[in-house]
C-alpha atoms as a PDB file:
ATOM      1  CA  MET A   1     -44.912  32.994  25.018  1.00  0.00           C
ATOM      2  CA  ASN A   2     -42.319  35.533  26.178  1.00  0.00           C
ATOM      3  CA  ILE A   3     -42.581  38.770  24.207  1.00  0.00           C
ATOM      4  CA  LEU A   4     -40.227  41.726  24.379  1.00  0.00           C
ATOM      5  CA  LEU A   5     -42.046  44.923  23.361  1.00  0.00           C
ATOM      6  CA  ILE A   6     -39.743  47.825  22.489  1.00  0.00           C
ATOM      7  CA  ASN A   7     -41.945  50.864  22.009  1.00  0.00           C
ATOM      8  CA  SER A   8     -42.332  54.306  23.562  1.00  0.00           C
ATOM      9  CA  SER A   9     -46.061  54.822  22.992  1.00  0.00           C
ATOM     10  CA  ALA A  10     -48.068  53.892  26.097  1.00  0.00           C
ATOM     11  CA  PRO A  11     -51.403  53.723  24.182  1.00  0.00           C
ATOM     12  CA  VAL A  12     -49.915  51.364  21.573  1.00  0.00           C
ATOM     13  CA  ASN A  13     -48.333  49.267  24.330  1.00  0.00           C
ATOM     14  CA  GLN A  14     -51.715  48.948  26.043  1.00  0.00           C
ATOM     15  CA  ILE A  15     -53.363  47.812  22.796  1.00  0.00           C
ATOM     16  CA  ILE A  16     -50.651  45.212  22.246  1.00  0.00           C
ATOM     17  CA  GLN A  17     -50.992  43.950  25.825  1.00  0.00           C
ATOM     18  CA  THR A  18     -54.748  43.634  25.340  1.00  0.00           C
ATOM     19  CA  CYS A  19     -54.397  41.884  21.982  1.00  0.00           C
ATOM     20  CA  LEU A  20     -51.773  39.457  23.254  1.00  0.00           C
ATOM     21  CA  SER A  21     -53.151  38.887  26.749  1.00  0.00           C
ATOM     22  CA  GLY A  22     -52.121  35.552  28.177  1.00  0.00           C
ATOM     23  CA  ASN A  23     -48.516  36.067  27.098  1.00  0.00           C
ATOM     24  CA  ASN A  24     -45.641  37.302  29.228  1.00  0.00           C
ATOM     25  CA  ILE A  25     -44.895  40.776  27.824  1.00  0.00           C
ATOM     26  CA  THR A  26     -41.883  42.819  28.914  1.00  0.00           C
ATOM     27  CA  ILE A  27     -41.998  46.466  27.828  1.00  0.00           C
ATOM     28  CA  THR A  28     -39.030  48.768  27.324  1.00  0.00           C
ATOM     29  CA  THR A  29     -38.366  51.952  25.380  1.00  0.00           C
ATOM     30  CA  ASN A  30     -34.713  51.076  24.785  1.00  0.00           C
ATOM     31  CA  GLY A  31     -33.653  48.625  22.086  1.00  0.00           C
ATOM     32  CA  ASN A  32     -30.103  48.605  23.462  1.00  0.00           C
ATOM     33  CA  ILE A  33     -31.033  46.412  26.407  1.00  0.00           C
ATOM     34  CA  ASP A  34     -29.717  42.893  26.819  1.00  0.00           C
ATOM     35  CA  ILE A  35     -32.439  40.791  25.249  1.00  0.00           C
ATOM     36  CA  PRO A  36     -33.451  38.012  27.662  1.00  0.00           C
ATOM     37  CA  SER A  37     -32.531  34.552  26.358  1.00  0.00           C
ATOM     38  CA  GLU A  38     -36.059  33.259  26.985  1.00  0.00           C
ATOM     39  CA  THR A  39     -37.570  35.810  24.543  1.00  0.00           C
ATOM     40  CA  ASP A  40     -39.718  34.115  21.884  1.00  0.00           C
ATOM     41  CA  LEU A  41     -40.755  37.236  19.957  1.00  0.00           C
ATOM     42  CA  ILE A  42     -39.651  40.864  19.719  1.00  0.00           C
ATOM     43  CA  ILE A  43     -42.145  43.540  18.734  1.00  0.00           C
ATOM     44  CA  PHE A  44     -40.475  46.880  18.166  1.00  0.00           C
ATOM     45  CA  ASP A  45     -41.065  50.376  16.849  1.00  0.00           C
ATOM     46  CA  ILE A  46     -39.166  50.825  13.615  1.00  0.00           C
ATOM     47  CA  GLN A  47     -37.535  53.971  15.002  1.00  0.00           C
ATOM     48  CA  LEU A  48     -36.093  52.019  17.958  1.00  0.00           C
ATOM     49  CA  MET A  49     -34.342  49.315  15.929  1.00  0.00           C
ATOM     50  CA  THR A  50     -30.842  48.494  17.180  1.00  0.00           C
ATOM     51  CA  ASN A  51     -28.085  46.005  16.437  1.00  0.00           C
ATOM     52  CA  ASN A  52     -29.209  44.071  19.520  1.00  0.00           C
ATOM     53  CA  ILE A  53     -32.473  43.331  17.741  1.00  0.00           C
ATOM     54  CA  ILE A  54     -30.880  42.565  14.386  1.00  0.00           C
ATOM     55  CA  ASN A  55     -28.311  40.220  15.931  1.00  0.00           C
ATOM     56  CA  SER A  56     -30.724  38.472  18.295  1.00  0.00           C
ATOM     57  CA  LYS A  57     -31.978  35.891  15.745  1.00  0.00           C
ATOM     58  CA  ILE A  58     -35.359  36.107  17.494  1.00  0.00           C
ATOM     59  CA  PRO A  59     -38.524  36.402  15.363  1.00  0.00           C
ATOM     60  CA  CYS A  60     -39.631  40.045  15.064  1.00  0.00           C
ATOM     61  CA  ILE A  61     -42.661  42.150  14.282  1.00  0.00           C
ATOM     62  CA  ILE A  62     -41.837  45.695  13.238  1.00  0.00           C
ATOM     63  CA  LEU A  63     -44.300  48.472  14.156  1.00  0.00           C
ATOM     64  CA  GLY A  64     -44.337  51.316  11.669  1.00  0.00           C
ATOM     65  CA  SER A  65     -46.328  53.438   9.286  1.00  0.00           C
ATOM     66  CA  GLU A  66     -46.561  53.859   5.542  1.00  0.00           C
ATOM     67  CA  GLN A  67     -44.008  56.701   5.722  1.00  0.00           C
ATOM     68  CA  ASP A  68     -41.408  54.175   6.961  1.00  0.00           C
ATOM     69  CA  GLU A  69     -41.440  52.092   3.757  1.00  0.00           C
ATOM     70  CA  MET A  70     -37.758  52.432   2.773  1.00  0.00           C
ATOM     71  CA  LEU A  71     -36.548  51.831   6.330  1.00  0.00           C
ATOM     72  CA  ARG A  72     -38.889  48.838   6.619  1.00  0.00           C
ATOM     73  CA  LEU A  73     -37.461  47.245   3.481  1.00  0.00           C
ATOM     74  CA  TYR A  74     -33.907  47.741   4.741  1.00  0.00           C
ATOM     75  CA  ILE A  75     -34.663  46.291   8.173  1.00  0.00           C
ATOM     76  CA  GLU A  76     -36.593  43.312   6.830  1.00  0.00           C
ATOM     77  CA  LYS A  77     -33.721  42.503   4.475  1.00  0.00           C
ATOM     78  CA  THR A  78     -31.116  42.952   7.234  1.00  0.00           C
ATOM     79  CA  ILE A  79     -32.895  40.903   9.905  1.00  0.00           C
ATOM     80  CA  ALA A  80     -34.343  38.310   7.569  1.00  0.00           C
ATOM     81  CA  GLY A  81     -30.968  37.830   5.905  1.00  0.00           C
ATOM     82  CA  GLY A  82     -30.586  34.651   7.957  1.00  0.00           C
ATOM     83  CA  ASP A  83     -33.207  32.266   9.231  1.00  0.00           C
ATOM     84  CA  THR A  84     -34.965  34.828  11.428  1.00  0.00           C
ATOM     85  CA  GLU A  85     -38.657  35.359  10.743  1.00  0.00           C
ATOM     86  CA  VAL A  86     -39.641  39.002  10.490  1.00  0.00           C
ATOM     87  CA  THR A  87     -42.776  40.846   9.450  1.00  0.00           C
ATOM     88  CA  TYR A  88     -44.161  44.351   9.528  1.00  0.00           C
ATOM     89  CA  ILE A  89     -47.426  45.872  10.717  1.00  0.00           C
ATOM     90  CA  ASN A  90     -48.659  49.402  10.053  1.00  0.00           C
ATOM     91  CA  ARG A  91     -50.214  51.481  12.806  1.00  0.00           C
ATOM     92  CA  PRO A  92     -53.115  51.615  13.392  1.00  0.00           C
ATOM     93  CA  PHE A  93     -53.804  47.883  13.504  1.00  0.00           C
ATOM     94  CA  THR A  94     -56.466  45.592  14.923  1.00  0.00           C
ATOM     95  CA  CYS A  95     -56.000  42.708  17.331  1.00  0.00           C
ATOM     96  CA  GLU A  96     -56.842  40.364  14.457  1.00  0.00           C
ATOM     97  CA  ASP A  97     -54.044  41.927  12.383  1.00  0.00           C
ATOM     98  CA  LEU A  98     -51.529  41.629  15.223  1.00  0.00           C
ATOM     99  CA  ASN A  99     -52.474  38.065  16.148  1.00  0.00           C
ATOM    100  CA  GLY A 100     -52.218  37.101  12.476  1.00  0.00           C
ATOM    101  CA  LYS A 101     -48.704  38.550  12.299  1.00  0.00           C
ATOM    102  CA  VAL A 102     -47.711  36.727  15.488  1.00  0.00           C
ATOM    103  CA  SER A 103     -48.951  33.434  14.006  1.00  0.00           C
ATOM    104  CA  LEU A 104     -47.090  34.148  10.785  1.00  0.00           C
ATOM    105  CA  VAL A 105     -43.781  34.861  12.520  1.00  0.00           C
ATOM    106  CA  ILE A 106     -43.967  32.235  15.239  1.00  0.00           C
ATOM    107  CA  GLY A 107     -45.431  29.603  12.939  1.00  0.00           C
ATOM    108  CA  GLY A 108     -48.589  28.648  14.653  1.00  0.00           C
END
């Protein structure tokens, strides 16, 4: 699976790479990049959400915290307004949590 990880925290990025080893993970700190067409999943920090992500129609996992609740609800409604699968995971999380979210969004 091709995963685009948009996050500025190196420790969190390392955890995600460990949890999702075996996948092709591209890391960037800028959500305004051109999202590669072969991307199967976008994982992004809630603070780095951009129109590129919203308009991509690619399944998403949002990284956030409990303090981000109102923003999370807005983003989930905006992205999931179509057929795009989207879910949210609070930091800190376990590999089991993350892999469960990936299965939920990707469907298997």
